[in-house]
Each structure stands twice: as structure tokens, then as C-alpha cells.
All heavy atoms as atom14 arrays in JSON, in Angstrom:
{
  "sequence": "RLSCATSRRTYGNYAMGWFRRAPGKEREFVAAISWNDINKYYADSVKG",
  "atom14_mask": [
    [1, 1, 1, 1, 1, 1, 1, 1, 1, 1, 1, 0, 0, 0],
    [1, 1, 1, 1, 1, 1, 1, 1, 0, 0, 0, 0, 0, 0],
    [1, 1, 1, 1, 1, 1, 0, 0, 0, 0, 0, 0, 0, 0],
    [1, 1, 1, 1, 1, 1, 0, 0, 0, 0, 0, 0, 0, 0],
    [1, 1, 1, 1, 1, 0, 0, 0, 0, 0, 0, 0, 0, 0],
    [1, 1, 1, 1, 1, 1, 1, 0, 0, 0, 0, 0, 0, 0],
    [1, 1, 1, 1, 1, 1, 0, 0, 0, 0, 0, 0, 0, 0],
    [1, 1, 1, 1, 1, 1, 1, 1, 1, 1, 1, 0, 0, 0],
    [1, 1, 1, 1, 1, 1, 1, 1, 1, 1, 1, 0, 0, 0],
    [1, 1, 1, 1, 1, 1, 1, 0, 0, 0, 0, 0, 0, 0],
    [1, 1, 1, 1, 1, 1, 1, 1, 1, 1, 1, 1, 0, 0],
    [1, 1, 1, 1, 0, 0, 0, 0, 0, 0, 0, 0, 0, 0],
    [1, 1, 1, 1, 1, 1, 1, 1, 0, 0, 0, 0, 0, 0],
    [1, 1, 1, 1, 1, 1, 1, 1, 1, 1, 1, 1, 0, 0],
    [1, 1, 1, 1, 1, 0, 0, 0, 0, 0, 0, 0, 0, 0],
    [1, 1, 1, 1, 1, 1, 1, 1, 0, 0, 0, 0, 0, 0],
    [1, 1, 1, 1, 0, 0, 0, 0, 0, 0, 0, 0, 0, 0],
    [1, 1, 1, 1, 1, 1, 1, 1, 1, 1, 1, 1, 1, 1],
    [1, 1, 1, 1, 1, 1, 1, 1, 1, 1, 1, 0, 0, 0],
    [1, 1, 1, 1, 1, 1, 1, 1, 1, 1, 1, 0, 0, 0],
    [1, 1, 1, 1, 1, 1, 1, 1, 1, 1, 1, 0, 0, 0],
    [1, 1, 1, 1, 1, 0, 0, 0, 0, 0, 0, 0, 0, 0],
    [1, 1, 1, 1, 1, 1, 1, 0, 0, 0, 0, 0, 0, 0],
    [1, 1, 1, 1, 0, 0, 0, 0, 0, 0, 0, 0, 0, 0],
    [1, 1, 1, 1, 1, 1, 1, 1, 1, 0, 0, 0, 0, 0],
    [1, 1, 1, 1, 1, 1, 1, 1, 1, 0, 0, 0, 0, 0],
    [1, 1, 1, 1, 1, 1, 1, 1, 1, 1, 1, 0, 0, 0],
    [1, 1, 1, 1, 1, 1, 1, 1, 1, 0, 0, 0, 0, 0],
    [1, 1, 1, 1, 1, 1, 1, 1, 1, 1, 1, 0, 0, 0],
    [1, 1, 1, 1, 1, 1, 1, 0, 0, 0, 0, 0, 0, 0],
    [1, 1, 1, 1, 1, 0, 0, 0, 0, 0, 0, 0, 0, 0],
    [1, 1, 1, 1, 1, 0, 0, 0, 0, 0, 0, 0, 0, 0],
    [1, 1, 1, 1, 1, 1, 1, 1, 0, 0, 0, 0, 0, 0],
    [1, 1, 1, 1, 1, 1, 0, 0, 0, 0, 0, 0, 0, 0],
    [1, 1, 1, 1, 1, 1, 1, 1, 1, 1, 1, 1, 1, 1],
    [1, 1, 1, 1, 1, 1, 1, 1, 0, 0, 0, 0, 0, 0],
    [1, 1, 1, 1, 1, 1, 1, 1, 0, 0, 0, 0, 0, 0],
    [1, 1, 1, 1, 1, 1, 1, 1, 0, 0, 0, 0, 0, 0],
    [1, 1, 1, 1, 1, 1, 1, 1, 0, 0, 0, 0, 0, 0],
    [1, 1, 1, 1, 1, 1, 1, 1, 1, 0, 0, 0, 0, 0],
    [1, 1, 1, 1, 1, 1, 1, 1, 1, 1, 1, 1, 0, 0],
    [1, 1, 1, 1, 1, 1, 1, 1, 1, 1, 1, 1, 0, 0],
    [1, 1, 1, 1, 1, 0, 0, 0, 0, 0, 0, 0, 0, 0],
    [1, 1, 1, 1, 1, 1, 1, 1, 0, 0, 0, 0, 0, 0],
    [1, 1, 1, 1, 1, 1, 0, 0, 0, 0, 0, 0, 0, 0],
    [1, 1, 1, 1, 1, 1, 1, 0, 0, 0, 0, 0, 0, 0],
    [1, 1, 1, 1, 1, 1, 1, 1, 1, 0, 0, 0, 0, 0],
    [1, 1, 1, 1, 0, 0, 0, 0, 0, 0, 0, 0, 0, 0]
  ],
  "atom14_positions": [
    [[-36.95, 41.16, 79.9], [-37.44, 40.26, 78.82], [-38.09, 39.12, 79.48], [-37.39, 38.3, 80.18], [-36.37, 39.87, 77.83], [-36.98, 39.17, 76.66], [-35.97, 38.73, 75.64], [-35.25, 37.6, 75.99], [-34.56, 36.83, 75.08], [-34.56, 37.05, 73.83], [-33.87, 35.85, 75.59], [0.0, 0.0, 0.0], [0.0, 0.0, 0.0], [0.0, 0.0, 0.0]],
    [[-39.37, 38.93, 79.2], [-40.13, 37.78, 79.68], [-40.11, 36.66, 78.62], [-40.14, 36.95, 77.46], [-41.56, 38.11, 80.03], [-41.73, 39.24, 80.98], [-43.25, 39.42, 81.31], [-40.99, 39.0, 82.22], [0.0, 0.0, 0.0], [0.0, 0.0, 0.0], [0.0, 0.0, 0.0], [0.0, 0.0, 0.0], [0.0, 0.0, 0.0], [0.0, 0.0, 0.0]],
    [[-40.03, 35.43, 79.08], [-40.01, 34.25, 78.22], [-41.23, 33.44, 78.51], [-41.58, 33.26, 79.75], [-38.79, 33.45, 78.24], [-37.71, 34.32, 77.86], [0.0, 0.0, 0.0], [0.0, 0.0, 0.0], [0.0, 0.0, 0.0], [0.0, 0.0, 0.0], [0.0, 0.0, 0.0], [0.0, 0.0, 0.0], [0.0, 0.0, 0.0], [0.0, 0.0, 0.0]],
    [[-41.82, 32.7, 77.61], [-42.92, 31.76, 77.79], [-42.57, 30.52, 76.98], [-42.66, 30.6, 75.82], [-44.2, 32.39, 77.47], [-45.63, 31.16, 77.57], [0.0, 0.0, 0.0], [0.0, 0.0, 0.0], [0.0, 0.0, 0.0], [0.0, 0.0, 0.0], [0.0, 0.0, 0.0], [0.0, 0.0, 0.0], [0.0, 0.0, 0.0], [0.0, 0.0, 0.0]],
    [[-42.23, 29.42, 77.65], [-41.94, 28.22, 77.0], [-43.05, 27.14, 77.08], [-43.68, 27.09, 78.12], [-40.64, 27.63, 77.56], [0.0, 0.0, 0.0], [0.0, 0.0, 0.0], [0.0, 0.0, 0.0], [0.0, 0.0, 0.0], [0.0, 0.0, 0.0], [0.0, 0.0, 0.0], [0.0, 0.0, 0.0], [0.0, 0.0, 0.0], [0.0, 0.0, 0.0]],
    [[-43.29, 26.49, 75.98], [-44.28, 25.49, 75.93], [-43.63, 24.18, 76.12], [-42.44, 23.89, 75.92], [-45.11, 25.46, 74.69], [-44.35, 24.9, 73.59], [-45.54, 26.83, 74.3], [0.0, 0.0, 0.0], [0.0, 0.0, 0.0], [0.0, 0.0, 0.0], [0.0, 0.0, 0.0], [0.0, 0.0, 0.0], [0.0, 0.0, 0.0], [0.0, 0.0, 0.0]],
    [[-44.41, 23.11, 76.59], [-43.89, 21.76, 76.77], [-44.17, 20.89, 75.64], [-43.93, 19.66, 75.73], [-44.46, 21.22, 78.1], [-45.87, 21.11, 78.05], [0.0, 0.0, 0.0], [0.0, 0.0, 0.0], [0.0, 0.0, 0.0], [0.0, 0.0, 0.0], [0.0, 0.0, 0.0], [0.0, 0.0, 0.0], [0.0, 0.0, 0.0], [0.0, 0.0, 0.0]],
    [[-44.73, 21.32, 74.65], [-45.05, 20.52, 73.42], [-43.89, 19.99, 72.71], [-42.88, 20.69, 72.51], [-45.95, 21.28, 72.47], [-47.35, 21.71, 72.95], [-48.05, 22.48, 71.92], [-47.41, 23.66, 71.45], [-47.71, 24.39, 70.47], [-48.71, 23.99, 69.69], [-47.0, 25.46, 70.1], [0.0, 0.0, 0.0], [0.0, 0.0, 0.0], [0.0, 0.0, 0.0]],
    [[-43.94, 18.72, 72.38], [-42.85, 18.07, 71.71], [-43.06, 18.15, 70.14], [-42.1, 18.15, 69.4], [-42.73, 16.59, 72.07], [-42.26, 16.43, 73.56], [-42.26, 14.98, 73.9], [-41.81, 14.78, 75.26], [-41.78, 13.56, 75.85], [-42.07, 12.5, 75.18], [-41.35, 13.48, 77.1], [0.0, 0.0, 0.0], [0.0, 0.0, 0.0], [0.0, 0.0, 0.0]],
    [[-44.31, 18.18, 69.71], [-44.59, 18.21, 68.31], [-44.68, 19.58, 67.8], [-45.2, 20.42, 68.56], [-45.88, 17.45, 67.98], [-46.99, 18.02, 68.78], [-45.8, 16.03, 68.31], [0.0, 0.0, 0.0], [0.0, 0.0, 0.0], [0.0, 0.0, 0.0], [0.0, 0.0, 0.0], [0.0, 0.0, 0.0], [0.0, 0.0, 0.0], [0.0, 0.0, 0.0]],
    [[-44.28, 19.93, 66.72], [-44.18, 21.28, 66.09], [-45.59, 21.58, 65.54], [-46.28, 20.76, 64.91], [-43.16, 21.34, 65.02], [-43.16, 22.75, 64.39], [-42.5, 23.8, 65.01], [-43.83, 23.07, 63.19], [-42.45, 25.07, 64.39], [-43.83, 24.23, 62.62], [-43.05, 25.31, 63.18], [-43.06, 26.55, 62.71], [0.0, 0.0, 0.0], [0.0, 0.0, 0.0]],
    [[-46.04, 22.81, 65.77], [-47.31, 23.35, 65.3], [-47.32, 24.79, 65.3], [-46.59, 25.46, 66.05], [0.0, 0.0, 0.0], [0.0, 0.0, 0.0], [0.0, 0.0, 0.0], [0.0, 0.0, 0.0], [0.0, 0.0, 0.0], [0.0, 0.0, 0.0], [0.0, 0.0, 0.0], [0.0, 0.0, 0.0], [0.0, 0.0, 0.0], [0.0, 0.0, 0.0]],
    [[-48.22, 25.39, 64.49], [-48.5, 26.8, 64.49], [-49.48, 27.21, 65.51], [-50.45, 26.54, 65.72], [-48.95, 27.29, 63.13], [-47.84, 27.1, 62.02], [-46.7, 27.3, 62.25], [-48.33, 26.7, 60.89], [0.0, 0.0, 0.0], [0.0, 0.0, 0.0], [0.0, 0.0, 0.0], [0.0, 0.0, 0.0], [0.0, 0.0, 0.0], [0.0, 0.0, 0.0]],
    [[-49.25, 28.36, 66.16], [-50.14, 28.81, 67.26], [-49.97, 30.23, 67.53], [-48.88, 30.86, 67.46], [-49.88, 27.97, 68.53], [-48.44, 27.86, 68.94], [-47.87, 28.91, 69.7], [-47.6, 26.85, 68.51], [-46.6, 28.87, 70.11], [-46.27, 26.82, 68.93], [-45.77, 27.82, 69.72], [-44.44, 27.74, 70.04], [0.0, 0.0, 0.0], [0.0, 0.0, 0.0]],
    [[-51.09, 30.89, 67.92], [-51.05, 32.29, 68.38], [-50.63, 32.29, 69.89], [-50.98, 31.31, 70.59], [-52.37, 32.98, 68.13], [0.0, 0.0, 0.0], [0.0, 0.0, 0.0], [0.0, 0.0, 0.0], [0.0, 0.0, 0.0], [0.0, 0.0, 0.0], [0.0, 0.0, 0.0], [0.0, 0.0, 0.0], [0.0, 0.0, 0.0], [0.0, 0.0, 0.0]],
    [[-49.99, 33.39, 70.33], [-49.62, 33.48, 71.71], [-49.9, 34.88, 72.19], [-49.93, 35.82, 71.38], [-48.15, 33.16, 71.91], [-47.74, 31.74, 71.48], [-48.4, 30.4, 72.61], [-47.51, 30.86, 74.06], [0.0, 0.0, 0.0], [0.0, 0.0, 0.0], [0.0, 0.0, 0.0], [0.0, 0.0, 0.0], [0.0, 0.0, 0.0], [0.0, 0.0, 0.0]],
    [[-50.1, 35.02, 73.47], [-50.46, 36.31, 74.04], [-49.8, 36.5, 75.39], [-49.43, 35.58, 76.07], [0.0, 0.0, 0.0], [0.0, 0.0, 0.0], [0.0, 0.0, 0.0], [0.0, 0.0, 0.0], [0.0, 0.0, 0.0], [0.0, 0.0, 0.0], [0.0, 0.0, 0.0], [0.0, 0.0, 0.0], [0.0, 0.0, 0.0], [0.0, 0.0, 0.0]],
    [[-49.81, 37.79, 75.8], [-49.38, 38.18, 77.14], [-50.43, 39.07, 77.76], [-50.97, 39.99, 77.17], [-48.08, 39.05, 77.11], [-46.85, 38.21, 76.8], [-46.24, 38.05, 75.58], [-46.07, 37.44, 77.79], [-45.12, 37.2, 75.73], [-45.03, 36.9, 77.07], [-46.22, 37.21, 79.12], [-44.06, 36.01, 77.7], [-45.26, 36.44, 79.77], [-44.25, 35.83, 79.09]],
    [[-50.77, 38.74, 78.96], [-51.72, 39.58, 79.85], [-51.0, 39.86, 81.13], [-50.03, 39.29, 81.41], [-53.0, 38.73, 80.03], [-53.87, 38.58, 78.82], [-53.53, 37.73, 77.75], [-55.08, 39.33, 78.79], [-54.36, 37.63, 76.71], [-55.89, 39.21, 77.63], [-55.57, 38.39, 76.6], [0.0, 0.0, 0.0], [0.0, 0.0, 0.0], [0.0, 0.0, 0.0]],
    [[-51.62, 40.78, 81.85], [-51.09, 41.11, 83.15], [-52.19, 41.48, 84.15], [-53.27, 41.96, 83.73], [-50.07, 42.24, 83.13], [-50.66, 43.59, 82.71], [-49.57, 44.71, 82.46], [-50.15, 45.91, 82.17], [-49.4, 46.95, 81.8], [-48.06, 46.91, 81.7], [-49.99, 48.15, 81.55], [0.0, 0.0, 0.0], [0.0, 0.0, 0.0], [0.0, 0.0, 0.0]],
    [[-51.94, 41.29, 85.45], [-52.82, 41.69, 86.47], [-52.1, 42.47, 87.49], [-51.2, 42.02, 88.2], [-53.43, 40.47, 87.19], [-54.54, 40.79, 88.15], [-54.96, 39.62, 89.03], [-55.43, 38.49, 88.28], [-56.73, 38.32, 87.88], [-57.6, 39.26, 88.15], [-57.05, 37.25, 87.22], [0.0, 0.0, 0.0], [0.0, 0.0, 0.0], [0.0, 0.0, 0.0]],
    [[-52.49, 43.76, 87.55], [-51.84, 44.67, 88.45], [-52.64, 44.62, 89.84], [-53.77, 44.12, 89.87], [-51.93, 46.14, 87.96], [0.0, 0.0, 0.0], [0.0, 0.0, 0.0], [0.0, 0.0, 0.0], [0.0, 0.0, 0.0], [0.0, 0.0, 0.0], [0.0, 0.0, 0.0], [0.0, 0.0, 0.0], [0.0, 0.0, 0.0], [0.0, 0.0, 0.0]],
    [[-51.95, 45.0, 90.89], [-52.62, 44.96, 92.2], [-53.93, 45.64, 92.26], [-54.11, 46.83, 91.8], [-51.65, 45.72, 93.18], [-50.3, 45.48, 92.53], [-50.54, 45.5, 91.01], [0.0, 0.0, 0.0], [0.0, 0.0, 0.0], [0.0, 0.0, 0.0], [0.0, 0.0, 0.0], [0.0, 0.0, 0.0], [0.0, 0.0, 0.0], [0.0, 0.0, 0.0]],
    [[-55.01, 44.99, 92.66], [-56.3, 45.57, 92.8], [-57.03, 45.78, 91.49], [-58.13, 46.31, 91.44], [0.0, 0.0, 0.0], [0.0, 0.0, 0.0], [0.0, 0.0, 0.0], [0.0, 0.0, 0.0], [0.0, 0.0, 0.0], [0.0, 0.0, 0.0], [0.0, 0.0, 0.0], [0.0, 0.0, 0.0], [0.0, 0.0, 0.0], [0.0, 0.0, 0.0]],
    [[-56.51, 45.18, 90.36], [-57.17, 45.3, 89.04], [-57.33, 43.91, 88.47], [-56.72, 42.9, 88.89], [-56.27, 46.12, 88.15], [-56.03, 47.55, 88.61], [-55.13, 48.34, 87.65], [-55.79, 48.53, 86.35], [-54.97, 49.37, 85.44], [0.0, 0.0, 0.0], [0.0, 0.0, 0.0], [0.0, 0.0, 0.0], [0.0, 0.0, 0.0], [0.0, 0.0, 0.0]],
    [[-58.23, 43.79, 87.49], [-58.45, 42.6, 86.72], [-57.42, 42.39, 85.68], [-56.67, 43.28, 85.28], [-59.88, 42.61, 86.2], [-60.1, 43.62, 85.11], [-61.48, 43.66, 84.54], [-62.43, 43.28, 85.36], [-61.73, 43.98, 83.4], [0.0, 0.0, 0.0], [0.0, 0.0, 0.0], [0.0, 0.0, 0.0], [0.0, 0.0, 0.0], [0.0, 0.0, 0.0]],
    [[-57.33, 41.16, 85.21], [-56.34, 40.87, 84.24], [-56.67, 41.57, 82.89], [-57.78, 41.72, 82.49], [-56.4, 39.3, 83.86], [-55.35, 38.84, 83.01], [-55.36, 37.28, 82.97], [-55.26, 36.65, 84.23], [-55.08, 35.39, 84.37], [-55.02, 34.5, 83.37], [-55.03, 34.83, 85.62], [0.0, 0.0, 0.0], [0.0, 0.0, 0.0], [0.0, 0.0, 0.0]],
    [[-55.62, 42.17, 82.3], [-55.76, 42.93, 81.07], [-54.8, 42.48, 79.94], [-53.74, 41.98, 80.25], [-55.57, 44.45, 81.37], [-54.13, 44.77, 81.8], [-53.96, 46.32, 81.99], [-54.91, 47.02, 81.84], [-52.82, 46.67, 82.36], [0.0, 0.0, 0.0], [0.0, 0.0, 0.0], [0.0, 0.0, 0.0], [0.0, 0.0, 0.0], [0.0, 0.0, 0.0]],
    [[-55.25, 42.79, 78.73], [-54.43, 42.44, 77.6], [-53.17, 43.3, 77.51], [-53.21, 44.46, 77.76], [-55.25, 42.67, 76.32], [-54.5, 42.57, 74.98], [-54.18, 41.3, 74.53], [-54.07, 43.64, 74.38], [-53.4, 41.18, 73.37], [-53.36, 43.56, 73.23], [-53.07, 42.33, 72.7], [0.0, 0.0, 0.0], [0.0, 0.0, 0.0], [0.0, 0.0, 0.0]],
    [[-52.06, 42.64, 77.14], [-50.79, 43.41, 76.97], [-50.32, 43.34, 75.5], [-50.12, 44.37, 74.81], [-49.67, 42.88, 77.94], [-48.41, 43.54, 77.56], [-50.02, 43.05, 79.3], [0.0, 0.0, 0.0], [0.0, 0.0, 0.0], [0.0, 0.0, 0.0], [0.0, 0.0, 0.0], [0.0, 0.0, 0.0], [0.0, 0.0, 0.0], [0.0, 0.0, 0.0]],
    [[-50.16, 42.15, 74.95], [-49.69, 41.9, 73.56], [-50.01, 40.5, 73.12], [-50.29, 39.62, 73.89], [-48.16, 42.11, 73.54], [0.0, 0.0, 0.0], [0.0, 0.0, 0.0], [0.0, 0.0, 0.0], [0.0, 0.0, 0.0], [0.0, 0.0, 0.0], [0.0, 0.0, 0.0], [0.0, 0.0, 0.0], [0.0, 0.0, 0.0], [0.0, 0.0, 0.0]],
    [[-50.08, 40.43, 71.76], [-50.34, 39.07, 71.16], [-49.58, 38.96, 69.82], [-49.33, 40.05, 69.18], [-51.84, 38.85, 70.98], [0.0, 0.0, 0.0], [0.0, 0.0, 0.0], [0.0, 0.0, 0.0], [0.0, 0.0, 0.0], [0.0, 0.0, 0.0], [0.0, 0.0, 0.0], [0.0, 0.0, 0.0], [0.0, 0.0, 0.0], [0.0, 0.0, 0.0]],
    [[-49.38, 37.78, 69.36], [-48.77, 37.5, 68.08], [-49.41, 36.37, 67.42], [-49.77, 35.36, 67.97], [-47.2, 37.25, 68.31], [-46.43, 37.16, 66.99], [-47.04, 36.01, 69.17], [-44.97, 37.17, 67.16], [0.0, 0.0, 0.0], [0.0, 0.0, 0.0], [0.0, 0.0, 0.0], [0.0, 0.0, 0.0], [0.0, 0.0, 0.0], [0.0, 0.0, 0.0]],
    [[-49.62, 36.48, 66.08], [-50.32, 35.54, 65.25], [-49.38, 34.32, 65.08], [-48.18, 34.38, 65.3], [-50.75, 36.14, 63.96], [-49.6, 36.49, 63.13], [0.0, 0.0, 0.0], [0.0, 0.0, 0.0], [0.0, 0.0, 0.0], [0.0, 0.0, 0.0], [0.0, 0.0, 0.0], [0.0, 0.0, 0.0], [0.0, 0.0, 0.0], [0.0, 0.0, 0.0]],
    [[-50.0, 33.23, 64.63], [-49.24, 32.02, 64.36], [-48.15, 32.15, 63.36], [-47.11, 31.43, 63.4], [-50.24, 30.92, 63.91], [-50.78, 31.12, 62.5], [-51.87, 31.88, 62.14], [-50.2, 30.65, 61.27], [-52.03, 31.89, 60.77], [-50.98, 31.15, 60.21], [-49.12, 29.91, 60.99], [-50.71, 30.84, 58.88], [-48.77, 29.64, 59.65], [-49.63, 30.13, 58.52]],
    [[-48.4, 33.04, 62.31], [-47.27, 33.19, 61.3], [-46.29, 34.25, 61.58], [-45.47, 34.57, 60.66], [-48.05, 33.39, 59.93], [-48.94, 34.55, 59.94], [-48.91, 35.41, 60.9], [-49.75, 34.72, 58.88], [0.0, 0.0, 0.0], [0.0, 0.0, 0.0], [0.0, 0.0, 0.0], [0.0, 0.0, 0.0], [0.0, 0.0, 0.0], [0.0, 0.0, 0.0]],
    [[-46.38, 34.9, 62.69], [-45.32, 35.92, 63.12], [-45.5, 37.15, 62.37], [-44.56, 38.0, 62.25], [-43.96, 35.33, 63.06], [-42.9, 36.12, 63.87], [-43.32, 36.86, 64.76], [-41.72, 36.0, 63.6], [0.0, 0.0, 0.0], [0.0, 0.0, 0.0], [0.0, 0.0, 0.0], [0.0, 0.0, 0.0], [0.0, 0.0, 0.0], [0.0, 0.0, 0.0]],
    [[-46.65, 37.34, 61.62], [-46.81, 38.56, 60.78], [-47.57, 39.63, 61.55], [-47.19, 40.81, 61.48], [-47.62, 38.09, 59.53], [-46.7, 37.3, 58.65], [-47.99, 39.43, 58.74], [-47.39, 36.77, 57.38], [0.0, 0.0, 0.0], [0.0, 0.0, 0.0], [0.0, 0.0, 0.0], [0.0, 0.0, 0.0], [0.0, 0.0, 0.0], [0.0, 0.0, 0.0]],
    [[-48.64, 39.26, 62.31], [-49.41, 40.2, 62.97], [-49.15, 40.3, 64.45], [-49.05, 39.25, 65.13], [-50.94, 39.83, 62.76], [-51.27, 39.92, 61.32], [-51.0, 40.84, 60.63], [-52.03, 38.9, 60.87], [0.0, 0.0, 0.0], [0.0, 0.0, 0.0], [0.0, 0.0, 0.0], [0.0, 0.0, 0.0], [0.0, 0.0, 0.0], [0.0, 0.0, 0.0]],
    [[-48.93, 41.52, 64.93], [-48.71, 41.66, 66.28], [-49.61, 42.82, 66.86], [-49.91, 43.73, 66.18], [-47.24, 42.23, 66.58], [-46.18, 41.1, 66.12], [-44.77, 41.68, 66.4], [-43.77, 40.64, 65.87], [-42.47, 41.1, 66.1], [0.0, 0.0, 0.0], [0.0, 0.0, 0.0], [0.0, 0.0, 0.0], [0.0, 0.0, 0.0], [0.0, 0.0, 0.0]],
    [[-50.05, 42.62, 68.15], [-51.04, 43.54, 68.71], [-50.55, 43.98, 70.07], [-50.05, 43.17, 70.82], [-52.44, 42.78, 68.82], [-52.87, 42.17, 67.5], [-52.49, 40.85, 67.14], [-53.6, 42.87, 66.58], [-52.88, 40.23, 65.98], [-54.04, 42.27, 65.38], [-53.63, 40.95, 65.06], [-54.02, 40.42, 63.88], [0.0, 0.0, 0.0], [0.0, 0.0, 0.0]],
    [[-50.85, 45.2, 70.39], [-50.35, 45.74, 71.63], [-51.48, 46.61, 72.26], [-52.21, 47.34, 71.61], [-49.09, 46.63, 71.52], [-47.93, 45.91, 70.92], [-47.65, 45.93, 69.59], [-47.14, 45.21, 71.8], [-46.54, 45.2, 69.08], [-45.97, 44.49, 71.29], [-45.67, 44.57, 69.97], [-44.59, 43.94, 69.42], [0.0, 0.0, 0.0], [0.0, 0.0, 0.0]],
    [[-51.49, 46.64, 73.59], [-52.32, 47.61, 74.31], [-51.7, 48.93, 74.15], [-50.47, 49.14, 74.09], [-52.35, 47.26, 75.81], [0.0, 0.0, 0.0], [0.0, 0.0, 0.0], [0.0, 0.0, 0.0], [0.0, 0.0, 0.0], [0.0, 0.0, 0.0], [0.0, 0.0, 0.0], [0.0, 0.0, 0.0], [0.0, 0.0, 0.0], [0.0, 0.0, 0.0]],
    [[-52.55, 49.93, 74.17], [-52.11, 51.31, 73.99], [-51.16, 51.72, 75.1], [-50.21, 52.49, 74.82], [-53.26, 52.31, 74.0], [-54.09, 52.2, 72.74], [-53.58, 51.66, 71.7], [-55.29, 52.67, 72.76], [0.0, 0.0, 0.0], [0.0, 0.0, 0.0], [0.0, 0.0, 0.0], [0.0, 0.0, 0.0], [0.0, 0.0, 0.0], [0.0, 0.0, 0.0]],
    [[-51.26, 51.16, 76.27], [-50.4, 51.57, 77.3], [-48.94, 51.01, 77.26], [-48.06, 51.58, 77.91], [-51.01, 51.04, 78.64], [-51.13, 49.61, 78.61], [0.0, 0.0, 0.0], [0.0, 0.0, 0.0], [0.0, 0.0, 0.0], [0.0, 0.0, 0.0], [0.0, 0.0, 0.0], [0.0, 0.0, 0.0], [0.0, 0.0, 0.0], [0.0, 0.0, 0.0]],
    [[-48.75, 50.09, 76.3], [-47.4, 49.5, 76.18], [-46.8, 49.74, 74.75], [-45.65, 49.46, 74.56], [-47.31, 48.1, 76.6], [-47.94, 47.81, 77.97], [-48.03, 47.2, 75.55], [0.0, 0.0, 0.0], [0.0, 0.0, 0.0], [0.0, 0.0, 0.0], [0.0, 0.0, 0.0], [0.0, 0.0, 0.0], [0.0, 0.0, 0.0], [0.0, 0.0, 0.0]],
    [[-47.66, 50.17, 73.86], [-47.18, 50.31, 72.5], [-46.02, 51.28, 72.4], [-46.1, 52.34, 72.98], [-48.33, 50.8, 71.66], [-48.14, 50.57, 70.15], [-49.45, 50.73, 69.36], [-49.26, 50.27, 67.96], [-50.56, 50.41, 67.17], [0.0, 0.0, 0.0], [0.0, 0.0, 0.0], [0.0, 0.0, 0.0], [0.0, 0.0, 0.0], [0.0, 0.0, 0.0]],
    [[-44.97, 50.85, 71.61], [-43.76, 51.71, 71.55], [-42.78, 51.34, 72.6], [-41.55, 51.79, 72.43], [0.0, 0.0, 0.0], [0.0, 0.0, 0.0], [0.0, 0.0, 0.0], [0.0, 0.0, 0.0], [0.0, 0.0, 0.0], [0.0, 0.0, 0.0], [0.0, 0.0, 0.0], [0.0, 0.0, 0.0], [0.0, 0.0, 0.0], [0.0, 0.0, 0.0]]
  ]
}
């Protein structure tokens, strides 16, 4: 389980995403989540 913490002190809504870069490859999309926690998106390679 990976975690990503922000340093912001003030509360606000924001979308967040995860990308990855494998050896010898360019950075690629992995997953993302909308500001309201309703919509989630995944690369086909990781879905499920």
C-alpha cells in the first residue's frame, strides 16, 4: 500500500493521481480519484 501525503495546512478539495515509470519506459498513468471521492479511474493493466 502506497501513501501520498500533502503538506497543506488548509483544507480543500482536490483530485489526486498515481503514475509510474518502469525501467526503460516513460511515465504512465496508473490510477486517479476525483475531488469528491466518487469517481475513480484505473489503467487497464491494474484494474481489478
